[in-house]
Amino acid sequence: MIDSILNQEKKRIVLDHLLIKNLIYNNILITDVTSIKRLAVEHYQKYAIPQSTPMSMNERWNKQYQPKMTIDPKWYQSIIDLPIWDE
């Protein structure tokens, strides 16, 4: 939607063939569209999404994220209230 409002065209990557390095057969050229889509999904699930858990914060940052005694929670109550039509 934003692209159409800004008159920008969508840029896409077209994978019509895929070269895979295999230990047994050396290189394999794949041209089947279904196989290429499946292998691309597998690749991005393994390598694009981090598998490690985030590092834990040290004591200094844990302290920073604790509720502050000088801030009254009532000040922010109206932020989570649903808007009314009169606004």
Protein backbone atom coordinates (compact mmCIF):
# COMPACT_ATOMS: atom_id res chain seq x y z
CA MET A 1 0.00 0.00 0.00
CA ILE A 2 2.77 2.44 0.91
CA ASP A 3 4.58 1.58 -2.32
CA SER A 4 1.51 2.44 -4.36
CA ILE A 5 0.99 5.73 -2.51
CA LEU A 6 4.60 6.70 -3.10
CA ASN A 7 4.50 5.45 -6.69
CA GLN A 8 7.34 3.05 -6.02
CA GLU A 9 7.63 -0.25 -7.78
CA LYS A 10 8.25 -3.44 -5.86
CA LYS A 11 11.68 -4.92 -6.32
CA ARG A 12 11.87 -8.69 -6.25
CA ILE A 13 14.52 -11.32 -6.50
CA VAL A 14 13.77 -14.01 -9.07
CA LEU A 15 15.33 -17.38 -8.35
CA ASP A 16 14.98 -19.47 -11.50
CA HIS A 17 17.97 -21.67 -10.73
CA LEU A 18 19.92 -22.54 -7.62
CA LEU A 19 23.43 -23.93 -7.30
CA ILE A 20 24.01 -26.05 -4.20
CA LYS A 21 27.36 -27.32 -3.01
CA ASN A 22 27.05 -30.97 -2.05
CA LEU A 23 29.81 -33.04 -0.44
CA ILE A 24 29.00 -36.15 -2.50
CA TYR A 25 28.07 -34.74 -5.93
CA ASN A 26 30.07 -31.47 -5.73
CA ASN A 27 27.72 -28.86 -7.25
CA ILE A 28 24.04 -29.46 -8.01
CA LEU A 29 22.06 -27.10 -10.26
CA ILE A 30 18.36 -27.01 -9.36
CA THR A 31 15.82 -25.52 -11.75
CA ASP A 32 12.57 -26.90 -10.31
CA VAL A 33 10.57 -23.95 -8.92
CA THR A 34 9.03 -25.93 -6.05
CA SER A 35 12.40 -27.25 -4.91
CA ILE A 36 13.96 -23.78 -5.12
CA LYS A 37 11.19 -22.28 -2.95
CA ARG A 38 11.52 -25.07 -0.38
CA LEU A 39 15.31 -24.78 -0.22
CA ALA A 40 15.16 -20.97 0.02
CA VAL A 41 12.77 -21.22 2.98
CA GLU A 42 15.03 -23.78 4.66
CA HIS A 43 18.05 -21.55 4.11
CA TYR A 44 16.46 -18.42 5.56
CA GLN A 45 15.07 -20.33 8.54
CA LYS A 46 18.52 -21.67 9.37
CA TYR A 47 20.73 -18.68 8.60
CA ALA A 48 18.63 -15.51 8.73
CA ILE A 49 16.89 -16.13 12.06
CA PRO A 50 19.25 -16.17 15.05
CA GLN A 51 19.06 -19.43 16.99
CA SER A 52 20.91 -18.21 20.05
CA THR A 53 19.18 -16.83 23.10
CA PRO A 54 19.80 -13.17 23.85
CA MET A 55 22.49 -12.37 26.38
CA SER A 56 21.28 -11.60 29.87
CA MET A 57 21.59 -8.05 31.07
CA ASN A 58 24.11 -7.18 33.72
CA GLU A 59 23.09 -5.80 37.11
CA ARG A 60 23.43 -2.19 35.97
CA TRP A 61 20.84 -2.60 33.21
CA ASN A 62 18.54 -4.69 35.37
CA LYS A 63 18.51 -1.80 37.81
CA GLN A 64 17.73 0.68 35.01
CA TYR A 65 14.64 -1.30 33.96
CA GLN A 66 13.20 -1.60 37.47
CA PRO A 67 10.21 0.65 38.29
CA LYS A 68 11.34 4.06 39.51
CA MET A 69 10.03 5.30 42.84
CA THR A 70 10.01 8.89 41.55
CA ILE A 71 7.58 8.06 38.73
CA ASP A 72 3.92 7.70 39.60
CA PRO A 73 2.24 4.94 37.50
CA LYS A 74 -1.00 6.98 37.48
CA TRP A 75 0.68 9.49 35.18
CA TYR A 76 0.66 6.94 32.37
CA GLN A 77 -2.75 5.37 32.99
CA SER A 78 -4.46 7.49 30.34
CA ILE A 79 -2.06 6.17 27.68
CA ILE A 80 -3.57 2.68 27.84
CA ASP A 81 -7.18 3.88 28.04
CA LEU A 82 -9.15 3.44 24.84
CA PRO A 83 -9.75 6.66 22.92
CA ILE A 84 -13.22 8.18 22.97
CA TRP A 85 -15.09 9.53 19.95
CA ASP A 86 -15.07 13.09 21.30
CA GLU A 87 -11.30 13.24 20.87
